[in-house]
N, C-alpha and C. Protein backbone atom coordinates (compact mmCIF):
# COMPACT_ATOMS: atom_id res chain seq x y z
N UNK A 1 9.60 -20.68 12.13
CA UNK A 1 9.96 -19.54 11.30
C UNK A 1 8.80 -19.07 10.44
N UNK A 2 7.95 -20.02 10.00
CA UNK A 2 6.79 -19.62 9.21
C UNK A 2 5.96 -18.58 9.95
N UNK A 3 5.66 -18.85 11.23
CA UNK A 3 4.79 -17.95 11.97
C UNK A 3 5.47 -16.61 12.25
N UNK A 4 6.77 -16.61 12.52
CA UNK A 4 7.49 -15.36 12.78
C UNK A 4 7.52 -14.48 11.52
N UNK A 5 7.79 -15.08 10.39
CA UNK A 5 7.79 -14.33 9.13
C UNK A 5 6.40 -13.82 8.79
N UNK A 6 5.43 -14.70 8.93
CA UNK A 6 4.05 -14.31 8.63
C UNK A 6 3.62 -13.16 9.53
N UNK A 7 3.94 -13.26 10.81
CA UNK A 7 3.55 -12.19 11.74
C UNK A 7 4.23 -10.88 11.42
N UNK A 8 5.50 -10.92 11.05
CA UNK A 8 6.21 -9.70 10.69
C UNK A 8 5.58 -9.05 9.44
N UNK A 9 5.22 -9.88 8.45
CA UNK A 9 4.55 -9.36 7.26
C UNK A 9 3.18 -8.79 7.60
N UNK A 10 2.43 -9.49 8.48
CA UNK A 10 1.12 -8.99 8.88
C UNK A 10 1.25 -7.67 9.65
N UNK A 11 2.28 -7.55 10.48
CA UNK A 11 2.51 -6.30 11.18
C UNK A 11 2.85 -5.17 10.21
N UNK A 12 3.61 -5.51 9.19
CA UNK A 12 3.95 -4.52 8.17
C UNK A 12 2.69 -4.08 7.43
N UNK A 13 1.82 -5.04 7.12
CA UNK A 13 0.55 -4.70 6.46
C UNK A 13 -0.36 -3.90 7.38
N UNK A 14 -0.34 -4.19 8.68
CA UNK A 14 -1.15 -3.43 9.62
C UNK A 14 -0.72 -1.97 9.65
N UNK A 15 0.58 -1.73 9.64
CA UNK A 15 1.08 -0.36 9.59
C UNK A 15 0.62 0.32 8.30
N UNK A 16 0.65 -0.42 7.21
CA UNK A 16 0.22 0.12 5.92
C UNK A 16 -1.27 0.45 5.96
N UNK A 17 -2.05 -0.43 6.56
CA UNK A 17 -3.49 -0.18 6.67
C UNK A 17 -3.74 1.07 7.52
N UNK A 18 -2.98 1.23 8.59
CA UNK A 18 -3.12 2.44 9.41
C UNK A 18 -2.78 3.69 8.60
N UNK A 19 -1.82 3.56 7.69
CA UNK A 19 -1.49 4.68 6.80
C UNK A 19 -2.64 5.03 5.88
N UNK A 20 -3.34 4.01 5.36
CA UNK A 20 -4.51 4.27 4.50
C UNK A 20 -5.61 4.93 5.32
N UNK A 21 -5.87 4.39 6.52
CA UNK A 21 -6.92 4.98 7.36
C UNK A 21 -6.62 6.44 7.69
N UNK A 22 -5.37 6.72 7.98
CA UNK A 22 -4.98 8.10 8.28
C UNK A 22 -5.19 9.00 7.06
N UNK A 23 -4.79 8.53 5.88
CA UNK A 23 -5.00 9.33 4.66
C UNK A 23 -6.49 9.56 4.42
N UNK A 24 -7.31 8.54 4.67
CA UNK A 24 -8.76 8.71 4.53
C UNK A 24 -9.30 9.72 5.53
N UNK A 25 -8.83 9.65 6.77
CA UNK A 25 -9.27 10.61 7.79
C UNK A 25 -8.85 12.03 7.41
N UNK A 26 -7.67 12.16 6.83
CA UNK A 26 -7.19 13.48 6.42
C UNK A 26 -8.03 14.02 5.26
N UNK A 27 -8.28 13.19 4.25
CA UNK A 27 -9.05 13.66 3.09
C UNK A 27 -10.51 13.93 3.47
N UNK A 28 -10.99 13.24 4.50
CA UNK A 28 -12.35 13.47 4.98
C UNK A 28 -12.48 14.63 5.94
N UNK A 29 -11.35 15.25 6.30
CA UNK A 29 -11.38 16.40 7.19
C UNK A 29 -11.43 16.04 8.67
N UNK A 30 -11.33 14.75 9.01
CA UNK A 30 -11.37 14.34 10.41
C UNK A 30 -10.06 14.62 11.12
N UNK A 31 -8.96 14.64 10.38
CA UNK A 31 -7.64 14.94 10.92
C UNK A 31 -7.04 16.03 10.04
N UNK A 32 -6.52 17.09 10.67
CA UNK A 32 -5.94 18.14 9.83
C UNK A 32 -4.61 17.66 9.24
N UNK A 33 -4.21 18.30 8.17
CA UNK A 33 -3.06 17.84 7.38
C UNK A 33 -1.76 17.82 8.18
N UNK A 34 -1.53 18.85 8.98
CA UNK A 34 -0.28 18.90 9.74
C UNK A 34 -0.23 17.75 10.76
N UNK A 35 -1.34 17.49 11.41
CA UNK A 35 -1.37 16.38 12.38
C UNK A 35 -1.22 15.04 11.65
N UNK A 36 -1.86 14.91 10.50
CA UNK A 36 -1.74 13.68 9.72
C UNK A 36 -0.28 13.45 9.32
N UNK A 37 0.39 14.53 8.93
CA UNK A 37 1.79 14.43 8.53
C UNK A 37 2.63 13.91 9.70
N UNK A 38 2.40 14.44 10.89
CA UNK A 38 3.13 13.99 12.07
C UNK A 38 2.84 12.53 12.40
N UNK A 39 1.57 12.15 12.36
CA UNK A 39 1.19 10.78 12.68
C UNK A 39 1.74 9.80 11.64
N UNK A 40 1.78 10.23 10.38
CA UNK A 40 2.27 9.34 9.33
C UNK A 40 3.75 9.02 9.54
N UNK A 41 4.50 9.94 10.10
CA UNK A 41 5.92 9.67 10.38
C UNK A 41 6.06 8.46 11.30
N UNK A 42 5.26 8.41 12.37
CA UNK A 42 5.38 7.28 13.29
C UNK A 42 4.85 5.99 12.68
N UNK A 43 3.80 6.09 11.87
CA UNK A 43 3.28 4.89 11.19
C UNK A 43 4.33 4.35 10.23
N UNK A 44 4.96 5.24 9.48
CA UNK A 44 5.97 4.79 8.52
C UNK A 44 7.20 4.20 9.24
N UNK A 45 7.53 4.77 10.38
CA UNK A 45 8.64 4.22 11.18
C UNK A 45 8.30 2.81 11.66
N UNK A 46 7.07 2.62 12.08
CA UNK A 46 6.63 1.28 12.51
C UNK A 46 6.71 0.30 11.34
N UNK A 47 6.27 0.72 10.16
CA UNK A 47 6.36 -0.13 8.97
C UNK A 47 7.80 -0.50 8.65
N UNK A 48 8.71 0.47 8.77
CA UNK A 48 10.13 0.20 8.51
C UNK A 48 10.70 -0.79 9.52
N UNK A 49 10.27 -0.67 10.78
CA UNK A 49 10.72 -1.59 11.82
C UNK A 49 10.27 -3.02 11.51
N UNK A 50 9.03 -3.16 11.07
CA UNK A 50 8.52 -4.48 10.72
C UNK A 50 9.20 -5.03 9.47
N UNK A 51 9.51 -4.17 8.53
CA UNK A 51 10.25 -4.62 7.33
C UNK A 51 11.62 -5.13 7.75
N UNK A 52 12.28 -4.44 8.67
CA UNK A 52 13.58 -4.90 9.16
C UNK A 52 13.45 -6.26 9.85
N UNK A 53 12.34 -6.48 10.54
CA UNK A 53 12.10 -7.79 11.18
C UNK A 53 11.96 -8.88 10.12
N UNK A 54 11.26 -8.58 9.03
CA UNK A 54 11.10 -9.56 7.95
C UNK A 54 12.48 -9.92 7.39
N UNK A 55 13.28 -8.92 7.11
CA UNK A 55 14.61 -9.17 6.54
C UNK A 55 15.47 -9.98 7.51
N UNK A 56 15.42 -9.63 8.80
CA UNK A 56 16.19 -10.38 9.80
C UNK A 56 15.72 -11.83 9.88
N UNK A 57 14.41 -12.04 9.83
CA UNK A 57 13.88 -13.41 9.87
C UNK A 57 14.34 -14.19 8.63
N UNK A 58 14.35 -13.53 7.50
CA UNK A 58 14.78 -14.21 6.27
C UNK A 58 16.25 -14.63 6.35
N UNK A 59 17.06 -13.80 6.98
CA UNK A 59 18.49 -14.11 7.09
C UNK A 59 18.74 -15.35 7.94
N UNK A 60 17.88 -15.60 8.91
CA UNK A 60 18.13 -16.68 9.87
C UNK A 60 17.21 -17.88 9.71
N UNK A 61 16.21 -17.79 8.87
CA UNK A 61 15.25 -18.88 8.73
C UNK A 61 15.85 -20.05 7.95
N UNK A 62 15.64 -21.23 8.47
CA UNK A 62 16.05 -22.43 7.74
C UNK A 62 15.00 -22.80 6.69
N UNK A 63 13.75 -22.62 7.07
CA UNK A 63 12.64 -22.96 6.18
C UNK A 63 11.72 -21.74 6.12
N UNK A 64 11.26 -21.41 4.93
CA UNK A 64 10.33 -20.29 4.77
C UNK A 64 9.07 -20.80 4.08
N UNK A 65 7.92 -20.13 4.31
CA UNK A 65 6.67 -20.61 3.71
C UNK A 65 6.68 -20.61 2.19
N UNK A 66 7.35 -19.63 1.61
CA UNK A 66 7.58 -19.57 0.16
C UNK A 66 9.02 -19.14 -0.05
N UNK A 67 9.44 -19.11 -1.29
CA UNK A 67 10.81 -18.74 -1.64
C UNK A 67 11.23 -17.42 -0.98
N UNK A 68 12.46 -17.38 -0.47
CA UNK A 68 12.97 -16.18 0.21
C UNK A 68 12.90 -14.93 -0.68
N UNK A 69 13.25 -15.10 -1.93
CA UNK A 69 13.23 -13.96 -2.84
C UNK A 69 11.83 -13.39 -2.98
N UNK A 70 10.82 -14.26 -3.06
CA UNK A 70 9.43 -13.79 -3.17
C UNK A 70 8.97 -13.12 -1.88
N UNK A 71 9.39 -13.64 -0.75
CA UNK A 71 9.07 -12.99 0.53
C UNK A 71 9.71 -11.61 0.62
N UNK A 72 10.96 -11.51 0.16
CA UNK A 72 11.65 -10.22 0.16
C UNK A 72 10.93 -9.23 -0.76
N UNK A 73 10.56 -9.69 -1.96
CA UNK A 73 9.82 -8.84 -2.91
C UNK A 73 8.50 -8.38 -2.33
N UNK A 74 7.81 -9.31 -1.66
CA UNK A 74 6.51 -9.00 -1.05
C UNK A 74 6.68 -7.90 0.00
N UNK A 75 7.65 -8.07 0.89
CA UNK A 75 7.89 -7.09 1.94
C UNK A 75 8.30 -5.74 1.36
N UNK A 76 9.15 -5.77 0.35
CA UNK A 76 9.59 -4.51 -0.28
C UNK A 76 8.41 -3.79 -0.93
N UNK A 77 7.54 -4.53 -1.59
CA UNK A 77 6.38 -3.90 -2.24
C UNK A 77 5.42 -3.31 -1.20
N UNK A 78 5.24 -4.00 -0.08
CA UNK A 78 4.40 -3.46 0.99
C UNK A 78 5.01 -2.16 1.50
N UNK A 79 6.33 -2.14 1.66
CA UNK A 79 7.03 -0.93 2.08
C UNK A 79 6.82 0.19 1.07
N UNK A 80 6.80 -0.15 -0.22
CA UNK A 80 6.58 0.86 -1.25
C UNK A 80 5.18 1.47 -1.16
N UNK A 81 4.19 0.65 -0.78
CA UNK A 81 2.83 1.18 -0.59
C UNK A 81 2.84 2.23 0.51
N UNK A 82 3.44 1.88 1.65
CA UNK A 82 3.47 2.81 2.78
C UNK A 82 4.28 4.07 2.45
N UNK A 83 5.38 3.90 1.72
CA UNK A 83 6.17 5.07 1.31
C UNK A 83 5.35 6.02 0.43
N UNK A 84 4.58 5.46 -0.49
CA UNK A 84 3.74 6.30 -1.36
C UNK A 84 2.66 7.01 -0.55
N UNK A 85 2.10 6.32 0.44
CA UNK A 85 1.10 6.96 1.31
C UNK A 85 1.73 8.09 2.13
N UNK A 86 2.95 7.83 2.61
CA UNK A 86 3.67 8.88 3.35
C UNK A 86 3.85 10.11 2.47
N UNK A 87 4.27 9.88 1.22
CA UNK A 87 4.47 11.00 0.30
C UNK A 87 3.16 11.72 0.01
N UNK A 88 2.08 10.96 -0.13
CA UNK A 88 0.76 11.56 -0.37
C UNK A 88 0.37 12.49 0.78
N UNK A 89 0.51 12.01 2.00
CA UNK A 89 0.13 12.81 3.17
C UNK A 89 1.04 14.03 3.30
N UNK A 90 2.35 13.84 3.13
CA UNK A 90 3.29 14.96 3.24
C UNK A 90 3.02 16.01 2.17
N UNK A 91 2.82 15.56 0.93
CA UNK A 91 2.58 16.52 -0.15
C UNK A 91 1.22 17.19 0.00
N UNK A 92 0.25 16.48 0.53
CA UNK A 92 -1.04 17.11 0.79
C UNK A 92 -0.88 18.24 1.80
N UNK A 93 -0.05 18.00 2.80
CA UNK A 93 0.23 19.03 3.80
C UNK A 93 0.96 20.22 3.15
N UNK A 94 1.90 19.94 2.28
CA UNK A 94 2.67 21.01 1.63
C UNK A 94 1.83 21.79 0.61
N UNK A 95 1.04 21.06 -0.20
CA UNK A 95 0.34 21.70 -1.32
C UNK A 95 -0.96 22.37 -0.91
N UNK A 96 -1.57 21.90 0.15
CA UNK A 96 -2.84 22.48 0.62
C UNK A 96 -3.91 22.55 -0.47
N UNK A 97 -4.08 21.45 -1.18
CA UNK A 97 -5.13 21.39 -2.20
C UNK A 97 -6.47 21.61 -1.50
N UNK A 98 -7.28 22.48 -2.05
CA UNK A 98 -8.52 22.86 -1.36
C UNK A 98 -9.54 21.73 -1.32
N UNK A 99 -9.62 20.95 -2.37
CA UNK A 99 -10.61 19.87 -2.47
C UNK A 99 -9.90 18.53 -2.43
N UNK A 100 -10.30 17.65 -1.48
CA UNK A 100 -9.62 16.36 -1.36
C UNK A 100 -10.54 15.17 -1.58
N UNK A 101 -11.82 15.41 -1.76
CA UNK A 101 -12.79 14.31 -1.84
C UNK A 101 -12.50 13.38 -3.03
N UNK A 102 -11.86 13.89 -4.08
CA UNK A 102 -11.58 13.07 -5.25
C UNK A 102 -10.59 11.94 -4.96
N UNK A 103 -9.87 12.03 -3.86
CA UNK A 103 -8.88 11.01 -3.52
C UNK A 103 -9.49 9.83 -2.76
N UNK A 104 -10.67 10.01 -2.21
CA UNK A 104 -11.29 8.97 -1.37
C UNK A 104 -11.50 7.65 -2.10
N UNK A 105 -12.05 7.63 -3.32
CA UNK A 105 -12.24 6.33 -4.00
C UNK A 105 -10.93 5.57 -4.23
N UNK A 106 -9.86 6.29 -4.54
CA UNK A 106 -8.56 5.63 -4.73
C UNK A 106 -8.07 5.04 -3.40
N UNK A 107 -8.21 5.80 -2.33
CA UNK A 107 -7.80 5.31 -1.02
C UNK A 107 -8.64 4.12 -0.59
N UNK A 108 -9.94 4.15 -0.91
CA UNK A 108 -10.80 2.99 -0.60
C UNK A 108 -10.29 1.73 -1.29
N UNK A 109 -9.89 1.86 -2.54
CA UNK A 109 -9.37 0.70 -3.28
C UNK A 109 -8.02 0.25 -2.73
N UNK A 110 -7.21 1.19 -2.28
CA UNK A 110 -5.95 0.81 -1.64
C UNK A 110 -6.22 -0.02 -0.39
N UNK A 111 -7.23 0.36 0.37
CA UNK A 111 -7.59 -0.40 1.57
C UNK A 111 -8.05 -1.81 1.20
N UNK A 112 -8.84 -1.93 0.15
CA UNK A 112 -9.27 -3.25 -0.34
C UNK A 112 -8.04 -4.09 -0.69
N UNK A 113 -7.09 -3.48 -1.38
CA UNK A 113 -5.88 -4.20 -1.77
C UNK A 113 -5.05 -4.65 -0.58
N UNK A 114 -4.88 -3.80 0.41
CA UNK A 114 -4.09 -4.15 1.59
C UNK A 114 -4.78 -5.28 2.35
N UNK A 115 -6.09 -5.21 2.47
CA UNK A 115 -6.82 -6.27 3.18
C UNK A 115 -6.73 -7.60 2.43
N UNK A 116 -6.75 -7.56 1.12
CA UNK A 116 -6.58 -8.79 0.33
C UNK A 116 -5.17 -9.35 0.52
N UNK A 117 -4.18 -8.48 0.59
CA UNK A 117 -2.82 -8.94 0.84
C UNK A 117 -2.71 -9.60 2.22
N UNK A 118 -3.43 -9.07 3.19
CA UNK A 118 -3.45 -9.71 4.52
C UNK A 118 -3.95 -11.14 4.42
N UNK A 119 -5.01 -11.34 3.67
CA UNK A 119 -5.53 -12.70 3.47
C UNK A 119 -4.51 -13.60 2.80
N UNK A 120 -3.82 -13.07 1.80
CA UNK A 120 -2.80 -13.86 1.10
C UNK A 120 -1.66 -14.24 2.04
N UNK A 121 -1.22 -13.31 2.87
CA UNK A 121 -0.12 -13.59 3.79
C UNK A 121 -0.53 -14.63 4.83
N UNK A 122 -1.76 -14.52 5.34
CA UNK A 122 -2.24 -15.51 6.31
C UNK A 122 -2.26 -16.92 5.72
N UNK A 123 -2.51 -17.00 4.43
CA UNK A 123 -2.62 -18.31 3.76
C UNK A 123 -1.27 -18.84 3.26
N UNK A 124 -0.21 -18.06 3.36
CA UNK A 124 1.08 -18.45 2.78
C UNK A 124 1.57 -19.82 3.23
N UNK A 125 1.47 -20.10 4.51
CA UNK A 125 2.07 -21.32 5.05
C UNK A 125 1.30 -22.58 4.67
N UNK A 126 0.00 -22.47 4.40
CA UNK A 126 -0.76 -23.70 4.27
C UNK A 126 -1.60 -23.82 3.00
N UNK A 127 -2.17 -22.74 2.51
CA UNK A 127 -3.20 -22.88 1.49
C UNK A 127 -2.87 -22.09 0.22
N UNK A 128 -2.15 -22.72 -0.68
CA UNK A 128 -1.77 -22.05 -1.92
C UNK A 128 -2.96 -21.54 -2.73
N UNK A 129 -4.09 -22.28 -2.84
CA UNK A 129 -5.22 -21.73 -3.59
C UNK A 129 -5.77 -20.44 -2.97
N UNK A 130 -5.77 -20.36 -1.64
CA UNK A 130 -6.25 -19.14 -0.98
C UNK A 130 -5.29 -17.98 -1.25
N UNK A 131 -3.99 -18.25 -1.29
CA UNK A 131 -3.01 -17.21 -1.61
C UNK A 131 -3.30 -16.66 -3.00
N UNK A 132 -3.49 -17.55 -3.95
CA UNK A 132 -3.75 -17.13 -5.33
C UNK A 132 -5.03 -16.29 -5.42
N UNK A 133 -6.07 -16.71 -4.72
CA UNK A 133 -7.34 -15.97 -4.74
C UNK A 133 -7.17 -14.57 -4.16
N UNK A 134 -6.57 -14.49 -2.97
CA UNK A 134 -6.42 -13.19 -2.32
C UNK A 134 -5.43 -12.30 -3.07
N UNK A 135 -4.39 -12.91 -3.63
CA UNK A 135 -3.44 -12.13 -4.44
C UNK A 135 -4.13 -11.55 -5.67
N UNK A 136 -5.02 -12.32 -6.27
CA UNK A 136 -5.77 -11.82 -7.42
C UNK A 136 -6.66 -10.65 -7.03
N UNK A 137 -7.30 -10.75 -5.86
CA UNK A 137 -8.14 -9.65 -5.38
C UNK A 137 -7.30 -8.39 -5.15
N UNK A 138 -6.11 -8.56 -4.59
CA UNK A 138 -5.22 -7.42 -4.38
C UNK A 138 -4.79 -6.82 -5.72
N UNK A 139 -4.49 -7.69 -6.67
CA UNK A 139 -4.08 -7.23 -8.00
C UNK A 139 -5.21 -6.44 -8.67
N UNK A 140 -6.45 -6.92 -8.50
CA UNK A 140 -7.60 -6.19 -9.06
C UNK A 140 -7.74 -4.82 -8.42
N UNK A 141 -7.54 -4.75 -7.11
CA UNK A 141 -7.63 -3.46 -6.43
C UNK A 141 -6.55 -2.51 -6.96
N UNK A 142 -5.34 -3.02 -7.15
CA UNK A 142 -4.27 -2.20 -7.73
C UNK A 142 -4.64 -1.71 -9.13
N UNK A 143 -5.26 -2.59 -9.92
CA UNK A 143 -5.70 -2.20 -11.26
C UNK A 143 -6.81 -1.15 -11.21
N UNK A 144 -7.70 -1.28 -10.22
CA UNK A 144 -8.78 -0.29 -10.07
C UNK A 144 -8.20 1.08 -9.73
N UNK A 145 -7.18 1.11 -8.90
CA UNK A 145 -6.53 2.39 -8.57
C UNK A 145 -5.93 3.00 -9.83
N UNK A 146 -5.32 2.17 -10.66
CA UNK A 146 -4.72 2.69 -11.90
C UNK A 146 -5.79 3.29 -12.82
N UNK A 147 -6.93 2.60 -12.96
CA UNK A 147 -8.01 3.14 -13.79
C UNK A 147 -8.56 4.45 -13.21
N UNK A 148 -8.74 4.48 -11.91
CA UNK A 148 -9.23 5.72 -11.28
C UNK A 148 -8.25 6.86 -11.48
N UNK A 149 -6.98 6.54 -11.41
CA UNK A 149 -5.95 7.54 -11.66
C UNK A 149 -6.10 8.11 -13.08
N UNK A 150 -6.31 7.23 -14.05
CA UNK A 150 -6.46 7.69 -15.43
C UNK A 150 -7.66 8.62 -15.59
N UNK A 151 -8.77 8.27 -14.93
CA UNK A 151 -9.95 9.14 -15.00
C UNK A 151 -9.70 10.48 -14.31
N UNK A 152 -8.99 10.45 -13.20
CA UNK A 152 -8.67 11.70 -12.50
C UNK A 152 -7.76 12.58 -13.35
N UNK A 153 -6.79 11.97 -14.00
CA UNK A 153 -5.90 12.74 -14.87
C UNK A 153 -6.69 13.35 -16.02
N UNK A 154 -7.60 12.58 -16.61
CA UNK A 154 -8.44 13.10 -17.69
C UNK A 154 -9.27 14.28 -17.18
N UNK A 155 -9.83 14.17 -15.97
CA UNK A 155 -10.63 15.26 -15.40
C UNK A 155 -9.75 16.50 -15.18
N UNK A 156 -8.56 16.29 -14.62
CA UNK A 156 -7.66 17.42 -14.34
C UNK A 156 -7.26 18.12 -15.64
N UNK A 157 -6.90 17.33 -16.66
CA UNK A 157 -6.42 17.92 -17.91
C UNK A 157 -7.55 18.50 -18.77
N UNK A 158 -8.80 18.17 -18.45
CA UNK A 158 -9.91 18.75 -19.21
C UNK A 158 -10.25 20.16 -18.74
N UNK A 159 -9.71 20.55 -17.60
CA UNK A 159 -9.94 21.89 -17.08
C UNK A 159 -8.73 22.77 -17.31
N UNK A 160 -8.76 23.91 -16.63
CA UNK A 160 -7.64 24.85 -16.73
C UNK A 160 -6.43 24.26 -16.02
N UNK A 161 -5.26 24.32 -16.66
CA UNK A 161 -4.04 23.78 -16.06
C UNK A 161 -3.42 24.81 -15.12
N UNK A 162 -4.05 24.94 -13.98
CA UNK A 162 -3.59 25.88 -12.96
C UNK A 162 -2.61 25.20 -12.02
N UNK A 163 -2.04 25.98 -11.11
CA UNK A 163 -1.16 25.41 -10.08
C UNK A 163 -1.93 24.40 -9.24
N UNK A 164 -3.18 24.71 -8.93
CA UNK A 164 -4.02 23.79 -8.15
C UNK A 164 -4.20 22.45 -8.87
N UNK A 165 -4.43 22.51 -10.18
CA UNK A 165 -4.60 21.29 -10.97
C UNK A 165 -3.32 20.46 -10.96
N UNK A 166 -2.17 21.10 -11.06
CA UNK A 166 -0.92 20.36 -11.07
C UNK A 166 -0.63 19.73 -9.70
N UNK A 167 -1.05 20.40 -8.64
CA UNK A 167 -0.91 19.83 -7.29
C UNK A 167 -1.78 18.57 -7.17
N UNK A 168 -3.01 18.67 -7.66
CA UNK A 168 -3.90 17.51 -7.64
C UNK A 168 -3.29 16.36 -8.43
N UNK A 169 -2.70 16.68 -9.56
CA UNK A 169 -2.08 15.65 -10.40
C UNK A 169 -0.96 14.93 -9.64
N UNK A 170 -0.15 15.67 -8.92
CA UNK A 170 0.93 15.07 -8.14
C UNK A 170 0.39 14.16 -7.04
N UNK A 171 -0.67 14.59 -6.38
CA UNK A 171 -1.23 13.79 -5.30
C UNK A 171 -1.88 12.51 -5.82
N UNK A 172 -2.59 12.61 -6.91
CA UNK A 172 -3.23 11.41 -7.46
C UNK A 172 -2.17 10.45 -7.99
N UNK A 173 -1.06 10.97 -8.44
CA UNK A 173 0.05 10.11 -8.89
C UNK A 173 0.63 9.31 -7.73
N UNK A 174 0.72 9.91 -6.55
CA UNK A 174 1.20 9.17 -5.38
C UNK A 174 0.31 7.96 -5.11
N UNK A 175 -1.00 8.14 -5.25
CA UNK A 175 -1.92 7.03 -4.99
C UNK A 175 -1.80 5.97 -6.08
N UNK A 176 -1.54 6.40 -7.31
CA UNK A 176 -1.33 5.40 -8.36
C UNK A 176 -0.08 4.58 -8.08
N UNK A 177 0.97 5.21 -7.59
CA UNK A 177 2.20 4.49 -7.23
C UNK A 177 1.90 3.47 -6.15
N UNK A 178 1.09 3.84 -5.17
CA UNK A 178 0.71 2.89 -4.12
C UNK A 178 -0.07 1.72 -4.71
N UNK A 179 -0.95 1.99 -5.67
CA UNK A 179 -1.71 0.92 -6.33
C UNK A 179 -0.80 -0.03 -7.10
N UNK A 180 0.21 0.51 -7.78
CA UNK A 180 1.16 -0.34 -8.51
C UNK A 180 1.96 -1.21 -7.53
N UNK A 181 2.30 -0.65 -6.37
CA UNK A 181 3.04 -1.42 -5.37
C UNK A 181 2.17 -2.55 -4.81
N UNK A 182 0.88 -2.32 -4.66
CA UNK A 182 -0.03 -3.39 -4.21
C UNK A 182 -0.05 -4.50 -5.25
N UNK A 183 -0.10 -4.13 -6.53
CA UNK A 183 -0.08 -5.15 -7.59
C UNK A 183 1.24 -5.92 -7.57
N UNK A 184 2.35 -5.24 -7.31
CA UNK A 184 3.65 -5.91 -7.22
C UNK A 184 3.69 -6.88 -6.04
N UNK A 185 3.14 -6.46 -4.91
CA UNK A 185 3.08 -7.34 -3.73
C UNK A 185 2.23 -8.56 -4.03
N UNK A 186 1.12 -8.36 -4.72
CA UNK A 186 0.25 -9.48 -5.09
C UNK A 186 0.99 -10.46 -6.00
N UNK A 187 1.76 -9.93 -6.95
CA UNK A 187 2.54 -10.80 -7.82
C UNK A 187 3.57 -11.62 -7.04
N UNK A 188 4.23 -11.00 -6.08
CA UNK A 188 5.23 -11.71 -5.29
C UNK A 188 4.59 -12.84 -4.50
N UNK A 189 3.43 -12.57 -3.88
CA UNK A 189 2.74 -13.62 -3.12
C UNK A 189 2.28 -14.74 -4.04
N UNK A 190 1.71 -14.39 -5.17
CA UNK A 190 1.21 -15.41 -6.11
C UNK A 190 2.35 -16.21 -6.70
N UNK A 191 3.45 -15.57 -7.07
CA UNK A 191 4.62 -16.27 -7.60
C UNK A 191 5.15 -17.27 -6.58
N UNK A 192 5.26 -16.83 -5.34
CA UNK A 192 5.76 -17.72 -4.29
C UNK A 192 4.87 -18.92 -4.08
N UNK A 193 3.56 -18.69 -4.07
CA UNK A 193 2.62 -19.79 -3.87
C UNK A 193 2.66 -20.75 -5.06
N UNK A 194 2.81 -20.22 -6.26
CA UNK A 194 2.87 -21.05 -7.47
C UNK A 194 4.11 -21.95 -7.44
N UNK A 195 5.24 -21.41 -7.05
CA UNK A 195 6.47 -22.18 -7.00
C UNK A 195 6.38 -23.31 -6.00
N UNK A 196 5.67 -23.04 -4.89
CA UNK A 196 5.54 -24.06 -3.86
C UNK A 196 4.64 -25.17 -4.33
């Protein structure tokens, strides 16, 4: 059961990572917004399928690598990251903000956080110190996103409060929500490892 749960969580994180890569490709102009919106639907569906696998495994597992509640929290927080990315891509398509380069540093930090969570999940079954280390790295990435969000809000509010500025504010808020979800996932992994 350890390996089935771990694999389902890793698959969920892989879908989330694909969501970050897609958002980066969209903000970099490599993928147009409408196509990104369509692709994000299938990525998010894949993430939901993997989340359902995690929940099903939890229902039937006799032994889990960490406490069931912490595994559930971890999976839910990963799902929240992907949901926030979905909203970011959808709203970017709807709002058509002319300049997107300001979102790249936040997305880069989200990728760092997701990759750190992957390390923590891989270490769940055997190495509690590695879980704590990788969870801390994910938590730092989530904190970095929050700080970047604050600087972006300060930049937006220092200029004219136009419709374009308010659209940017909404989009950067989506990325901050994803960063908070990464921090929540890191807490769930660290809590579970600590209890064990």
